[in-house]
Amino acid sequence: MSSNQQFHVTLEEATRAKWPHEIFLINLVFNHIFIFIVSMLMVKSFPMAPALVVVISVSIILYIVIKSKQVAKGGDSIFVKLNWEVCAKRNTWFVMLLTVTLSIIFGGLQLSQAMHWSKINTMALIGGVGLLPFMVVLLLLVVLGNDSVHLARSGRMAKGMAEKAKSLGLEPIEQTE
C-alpha cells in the first residue's frame, strides 16, 4: 500500500486544505529568502529594510497560529482541519528554528566580542554554526510544504495523518494495488 491515502474531498475542501501550506511557503520562500536578500542589498540605503522580513514573518506566523486554532474549533471538514494542524506544527518547528538560529547568532557575536575575534572568524562561526543549519532545515520545510500543497490539492494525506483522519471518521477511497 502507498504511504499516502486518498480521501473523498470536494474541490472546495482541497482548496481550503492547501491554503495553510501556501501561506507557510510564502513566509519561507518569498519572505525569508527573496525579501531577506533584497533587504540585505538595500541595507546601506535603507538600514531598516531587514525589519520588513521580521514584520512579515511575525505576521504570517501569528496568522497561522490564530487561524489554525479557529479552524480546529470551527465547522470545517476533518481534511481541512488536519491540514491546518500539519501546517501549525511546521510553523512551530520554524519558530523553534528561528529561535535557535538567532540565539546562535547573538551568542556568537557576544563570544566574538568577548574573545576579540576578527571579523572573518566571527562570520565563519555564525555562518557555519547558525546560518548553514538554518538554510538546510529551511530547505527541508520548503520541500515538506510543497509536498503538503500537492497532497492537499489531490485529496491525499501522508500515512500518519491519514490514520488520524480515519480515526476521526473521514472515509478513504479504497486503493487497489
C-alpha atoms as a PDB file:
ATOM      1  CA  MET A   1       0.000   0.000   0.000  1.00  0.00           C
ATOM      2  CA  SER A   2       1.162   3.519  -0.768  1.00  0.00           C
ATOM      3  CA  SER A   3       2.347   5.810   2.018  1.00  0.00           C
ATOM      4  CA  ASN A   4      -0.308   8.380   1.031  1.00  0.00           C
ATOM      5  CA  GLN A   5      -4.028   7.777   1.442  1.00  0.00           C
ATOM      6  CA  GLN A   6      -6.654   9.202  -0.911  1.00  0.00           C
ATOM      7  CA  PHE A   7      -9.853  10.644   0.596  1.00  0.00           C
ATOM      8  CA  HIS A   8     -13.215  11.767  -0.737  1.00  0.00           C
ATOM      9  CA  VAL A   9     -12.930  15.565  -0.664  1.00  0.00           C
ATOM     10  CA  THR A  10     -14.613  18.300  -2.654  1.00  0.00           C
ATOM     11  CA  LEU A  11     -12.716  20.790  -4.767  1.00  0.00           C
ATOM     12  CA  GLU A  12     -13.537  23.459  -2.160  1.00  0.00           C
ATOM     13  CA  GLU A  13     -12.120  21.273   0.654  1.00  0.00           C
ATOM     14  CA  ALA A  14      -8.949  20.618  -1.340  1.00  0.00           C
ATOM     15  CA  THR A  15      -8.557  24.347  -1.976  1.00  0.00           C
ATOM     16  CA  ARG A  16      -9.127  25.211   1.699  1.00  0.00           C
ATOM     17  CA  ALA A  17      -6.738  22.432   2.791  1.00  0.00           C
ATOM     18  CA  LYS A  18      -3.836  23.640   0.650  1.00  0.00           C
ATOM     19  CA  TRP A  19      -4.214  27.283   1.762  1.00  0.00           C
ATOM     20  CA  PRO A  20      -2.281  26.986   5.069  1.00  0.00           C
ATOM     21  CA  HIS A  21       0.643  25.296   3.330  1.00  0.00           C
ATOM     22  CA  GLU A  22       0.748  28.011   0.670  1.00  0.00           C
ATOM     23  CA  ILE A  23       0.782  30.747   3.334  1.00  0.00           C
ATOM     24  CA  PHE A  24       3.580  28.918   5.162  1.00  0.00           C
ATOM     25  CA  LEU A  25       5.578  28.676   1.932  1.00  0.00           C
ATOM     26  CA  ILE A  26       5.098  32.395   1.254  1.00  0.00           C
ATOM     27  CA  ASN A  27       6.807  33.069   4.572  1.00  0.00           C
ATOM     28  CA  LEU A  28       9.639  30.635   3.915  1.00  0.00           C
ATOM     29  CA  VAL A  29      10.387  31.236   0.248  1.00  0.00           C
ATOM     30  CA  PHE A  30       9.189  34.733  -0.570  1.00  0.00           C
ATOM     31  CA  ASN A  31       9.873  36.394   2.770  1.00  0.00           C
ATOM     32  CA  HIS A  32      12.851  34.576   4.323  1.00  0.00           C
ATOM     33  CA  ILE A  33      14.716  34.093   1.071  1.00  0.00           C
ATOM     34  CA  PHE A  34      13.670  36.678  -1.523  1.00  0.00           C
ATOM     35  CA  ILE A  35      12.729  39.648   0.697  1.00  0.00           C
ATOM     36  CA  PHE A  36      15.693  38.919   3.007  1.00  0.00           C
ATOM     37  CA  ILE A  37      18.173  39.009   0.126  1.00  0.00           C
ATOM     38  CA  VAL A  38      16.655  42.187  -1.322  1.00  0.00           C
ATOM     39  CA  SER A  39      16.619  43.866   2.097  1.00  0.00           C
ATOM     40  CA  MET A  40      20.270  42.983   2.664  1.00  0.00           C
ATOM     41  CA  LEU A  41      21.152  44.547  -0.701  1.00  0.00           C
ATOM     42  CA  MET A  42      19.306  47.706   0.335  1.00  0.00           C
ATOM     43  CA  VAL A  43      20.656  47.902   3.899  1.00  0.00           C
ATOM     44  CA  LYS A  44      23.158  50.685   3.112  1.00  0.00           C
ATOM     45  CA  SER A  45      20.462  52.929   1.642  1.00  0.00           C
ATOM     46  CA  PHE A  46      17.674  51.799   3.957  1.00  0.00           C
ATOM     47  CA  PRO A  47      19.133  50.443   7.231  1.00  0.00           C
ATOM     48  CA  MET A  48      15.716  49.325   8.483  1.00  0.00           C
ATOM     49  CA  ALA A  49      14.938  47.267   5.348  1.00  0.00           C
ATOM     50  CA  PRO A  50      15.643  43.911   7.079  1.00  0.00           C
ATOM     51  CA  ALA A  51      12.950  44.792   9.631  1.00  0.00           C
ATOM     52  CA  LEU A  52      10.420  44.203   6.846  1.00  0.00           C
ATOM     53  CA  VAL A  53      11.337  40.493   6.898  1.00  0.00           C
ATOM     54  CA  VAL A  54      10.670  40.362  10.640  1.00  0.00           C
ATOM     55  CA  VAL A  55       7.334  42.180  10.375  1.00  0.00           C
ATOM     56  CA  ILE A  56       6.103  39.960   7.535  1.00  0.00           C
ATOM     57  CA  SER A  57       7.325  36.784   9.243  1.00  0.00           C
ATOM     58  CA  VAL A  58       5.769  37.569  12.618  1.00  0.00           C
ATOM     59  CA  SER A  59       2.502  38.492  10.893  1.00  0.00           C
ATOM     60  CA  ILE A  60       2.353  35.227   8.954  1.00  0.00           C
ATOM     61  CA  ILE A  61       3.421  33.111  11.936  1.00  0.00           C
ATOM     62  CA  LEU A  62       0.736  34.689  14.125  1.00  0.00           C
ATOM     63  CA  TYR A  63      -1.874  34.328  11.380  1.00  0.00           C
ATOM     64  CA  ILE A  64      -1.151  30.591  11.095  1.00  0.00           C
ATOM     65  CA  VAL A  65      -1.309  30.143  14.882  1.00  0.00           C
ATOM     66  CA  ILE A  66      -4.591  32.046  15.255  1.00  0.00           C
ATOM     67  CA  LYS A  67      -6.266  30.658  12.138  1.00  0.00           C
ATOM     68  CA  SER A  68      -5.308  27.049  12.916  1.00  0.00           C
ATOM     69  CA  LYS A  69      -6.966  27.384  16.338  1.00  0.00           C
ATOM     70  CA  GLN A  70     -10.078  28.899  14.749  1.00  0.00           C
ATOM     71  CA  VAL A  71     -10.265  26.139  12.140  1.00  0.00           C
ATOM     72  CA  ALA A  72      -9.791  23.447  14.805  1.00  0.00           C
ATOM     73  CA  LYS A  73     -12.821  24.797  16.704  1.00  0.00           C
ATOM     74  CA  GLY A  74     -14.873  25.636  13.598  1.00  0.00           C
ATOM     75  CA  GLY A  75     -17.101  23.680  11.283  1.00  0.00           C
ATOM     76  CA  ASP A  76     -14.550  22.848   8.603  1.00  0.00           C
ATOM     77  CA  SER A  77     -14.123  19.291   7.383  1.00  0.00           C
ATOM     78  CA  ILE A  78     -11.709  16.880   9.055  1.00  0.00           C
ATOM     79  CA  PHE A  79      -9.498  17.053   5.955  1.00  0.00           C
ATOM     80  CA  VAL A  80      -9.184  20.855   6.187  1.00  0.00           C
ATOM     81  CA  LYS A  81      -8.671  20.780   9.966  1.00  0.00           C
ATOM     82  CA  LEU A  82      -5.891  18.206   9.745  1.00  0.00           C
ATOM     83  CA  ASN A  83      -4.090  20.170   7.033  1.00  0.00           C
ATOM     84  CA  TRP A  84      -4.167  23.266   9.257  1.00  0.00           C
ATOM     85  CA  GLU A  85      -2.854  21.099  12.111  1.00  0.00           C
ATOM     86  CA  VAL A  86       0.072  19.895   9.977  1.00  0.00           C
ATOM     87  CA  CYS A  87       0.851  23.473   8.966  1.00  0.00           C
ATOM     88  CA  ALA A  88       0.651  24.701  12.581  1.00  0.00           C
ATOM     89  CA  LYS A  89       3.142  22.014  13.652  1.00  0.00           C
ATOM     90  CA  ARG A  90       5.567  23.009  10.915  1.00  0.00           C
ATOM     91  CA  ASN A  91       5.043  26.651  11.851  1.00  0.00           C
ATOM     92  CA  THR A  92       6.086  25.743  15.414  1.00  0.00           C
ATOM     93  CA  TRP A  93       9.176  23.954  14.079  1.00  0.00           C
ATOM     94  CA  PHE A  94      10.026  27.064  12.087  1.00  0.00           C
ATOM     95  CA  VAL A  95       9.657  29.306  15.146  1.00  0.00           C
ATOM     96  CA  MET A  96      11.974  26.971  17.094  1.00  0.00           C
ATOM     97  CA  LEU A  97      14.433  27.034  14.174  1.00  0.00           C
ATOM     98  CA  LEU A  98      14.400  30.838  14.149  1.00  0.00           C
ATOM     99  CA  THR A  99      14.863  30.960  17.925  1.00  0.00           C
ATOM    100  CA  VAL A 100      17.843  28.600  17.869  1.00  0.00           C
ATOM    101  CA  THR A 101      19.416  30.376  14.890  1.00  0.00           C
ATOM    102  CA  LEU A 102      19.031  33.838  16.398  1.00  0.00           C
ATOM    103  CA  SER A 103      20.409  32.555  19.718  1.00  0.00           C
ATOM    104  CA  ILE A 104      23.459  31.155  17.939  1.00  0.00           C
ATOM    105  CA  ILE A 105      23.970  34.395  16.008  1.00  0.00           C
ATOM    106  CA  PHE A 106      23.687  36.662  19.055  1.00  0.00           C
ATOM    107  CA  GLY A 107      25.699  34.229  21.197  1.00  0.00           C
ATOM    108  CA  GLY A 108      28.368  34.088  18.501  1.00  0.00           C
ATOM    109  CA  LEU A 109      28.531  37.869  18.341  1.00  0.00           C
ATOM    110  CA  GLN A 110      28.894  38.088  22.126  1.00  0.00           C
ATOM    111  CA  LEU A 111      31.566  35.367  22.150  1.00  0.00           C
ATOM    112  CA  SER A 112      33.391  37.100  19.313  1.00  0.00           C
ATOM    113  CA  GLN A 113      33.451  40.409  21.178  1.00  0.00           C
ATOM    114  CA  ALA A 114      34.476  38.791  24.466  1.00  0.00           C
ATOM    115  CA  MET A 115      37.350  36.919  22.803  1.00  0.00           C
ATOM    116  CA  HIS A 116      38.282  39.768  20.440  1.00  0.00           C
ATOM    117  CA  TRP A 117      37.951  37.634  17.319  1.00  0.00           C
ATOM    118  CA  SER A 118      38.473  39.011  13.848  1.00  0.00           C
ATOM    119  CA  LYS A 119      35.505  39.683  11.587  1.00  0.00           C
ATOM    120  CA  ILE A 120      36.268  36.624   9.426  1.00  0.00           C
ATOM    121  CA  ASN A 121      36.319  34.261  12.424  1.00  0.00           C
ATOM    122  CA  THR A 122      33.044  35.709  13.650  1.00  0.00           C
ATOM    123  CA  MET A 123      31.411  35.324  10.226  1.00  0.00           C
ATOM    124  CA  ALA A 124      32.680  31.741   9.948  1.00  0.00           C
ATOM    125  CA  LEU A 125      31.220  30.840  13.353  1.00  0.00           C
ATOM    126  CA  ILE A 126      27.863  32.468  12.709  1.00  0.00           C
ATOM    127  CA  GLY A 127      27.624  31.184   9.133  1.00  0.00           C
ATOM    128  CA  GLY A 128      28.754  27.641   9.831  1.00  0.00           C
ATOM    129  CA  VAL A 129      27.030  27.024  13.129  1.00  0.00           C
ATOM    130  CA  GLY A 130      23.992  29.314  12.762  1.00  0.00           C
ATOM    131  CA  LEU A 131      23.077  30.043   9.173  1.00  0.00           C
ATOM    132  CA  LEU A 132      24.071  26.836   7.370  1.00  0.00           C
ATOM    133  CA  PRO A 133      21.891  24.570   9.542  1.00  0.00           C
ATOM    134  CA  PHE A 134      19.094  27.176   9.247  1.00  0.00           C
ATOM    135  CA  MET A 135      19.236  27.026   5.445  1.00  0.00           C
ATOM    136  CA  VAL A 136      19.259  23.214   5.410  1.00  0.00           C
ATOM    137  CA  VAL A 137      16.208  22.979   7.677  1.00  0.00           C
ATOM    138  CA  LEU A 138      14.524  25.789   5.748  1.00  0.00           C
ATOM    139  CA  LEU A 139      15.010  23.785   2.545  1.00  0.00           C
ATOM    140  CA  LEU A 140      13.525  20.712   4.227  1.00  0.00           C
ATOM    141  CA  LEU A 141      10.492  22.729   5.380  1.00  0.00           C
ATOM    142  CA  VAL A 142      10.036  24.091   1.832  1.00  0.00           C
ATOM    143  CA  VAL A 143      10.101  20.560   0.395  1.00  0.00           C
ATOM    144  CA  LEU A 144       7.619  19.327   3.026  1.00  0.00           C
ATOM    145  CA  GLY A 145       5.393  22.355   2.415  1.00  0.00           C
ATOM    146  CA  ASN A 146       5.372  21.791  -1.338  1.00  0.00           C
ATOM    147  CA  ASP A 147       4.528  18.128  -0.798  1.00  0.00           C
ATOM    148  CA  SER A 148       1.665  19.124   1.501  1.00  0.00           C
ATOM    149  CA  VAL A 149       0.259  21.508  -1.117  1.00  0.00           C
ATOM    150  CA  HIS A 150       0.347  18.711  -3.688  1.00  0.00           C
ATOM    151  CA  LEU A 151      -1.246  16.183  -1.305  1.00  0.00           C
ATOM    152  CA  ALA A 152      -3.988  18.600  -0.217  1.00  0.00           C
ATOM    153  CA  ARG A 153      -4.750  19.572  -3.817  1.00  0.00           C
ATOM    154  CA  SER A 154      -5.209  15.912  -4.743  1.00  0.00           C
ATOM    155  CA  GLY A 155      -7.232  14.979  -1.621  1.00  0.00           C
ATOM    156  CA  ARG A 156      -4.475  12.861  -0.107  1.00  0.00           C
ATOM    157  CA  MET A 157      -2.703  12.740   3.235  1.00  0.00           C
ATOM    158  CA  ALA A 158       0.556  11.254   4.429  1.00  0.00           C
ATOM    159  CA  LYS A 159       0.248   7.968   6.308  1.00  0.00           C
ATOM    160  CA  GLY A 160       0.364   9.338   9.878  1.00  0.00           C
ATOM    161  CA  MET A 161      -2.293  11.997   9.300  1.00  0.00           C
ATOM    162  CA  ALA A 162      -4.341   9.597   7.172  1.00  0.00           C
ATOM    163  CA  GLU A 163      -4.600   7.244  10.141  1.00  0.00           C
ATOM    164  CA  LYS A 164      -5.737  10.130  12.332  1.00  0.00           C
ATOM    165  CA  ALA A 165      -8.262  11.186   9.669  1.00  0.00           C
ATOM    166  CA  LYS A 166      -9.693   7.655   9.536  1.00  0.00           C
ATOM    167  CA  SER A 167      -9.943   7.532  13.316  1.00  0.00           C
ATOM    168  CA  LEU A 168     -11.909  10.814  13.187  1.00  0.00           C
ATOM    169  CA  GLY A 169     -14.333   9.349  10.646  1.00  0.00           C
ATOM    170  CA  LEU A 170     -13.010  10.582   7.299  1.00  0.00           C
ATOM    171  CA  GLU A 171     -13.685   7.906   4.714  1.00  0.00           C
ATOM    172  CA  PRO A 172     -10.765   6.966   2.487  1.00  0.00           C
ATOM    173  CA  ILE A 173     -11.034   5.901  -1.130  1.00  0.00           C
ATOM    174  CA  GLU A 174     -10.146   2.226  -1.351  1.00  0.00           C
ATOM    175  CA  GLN A 175      -6.898   1.760  -3.199  1.00  0.00           C
ATOM    176  CA  THR A 176      -6.103  -1.278  -5.277  1.00  0.00           C
ATOM    177  CA  GLU A 177      -2.587  -2.480  -5.767  1.00  0.00           C
END
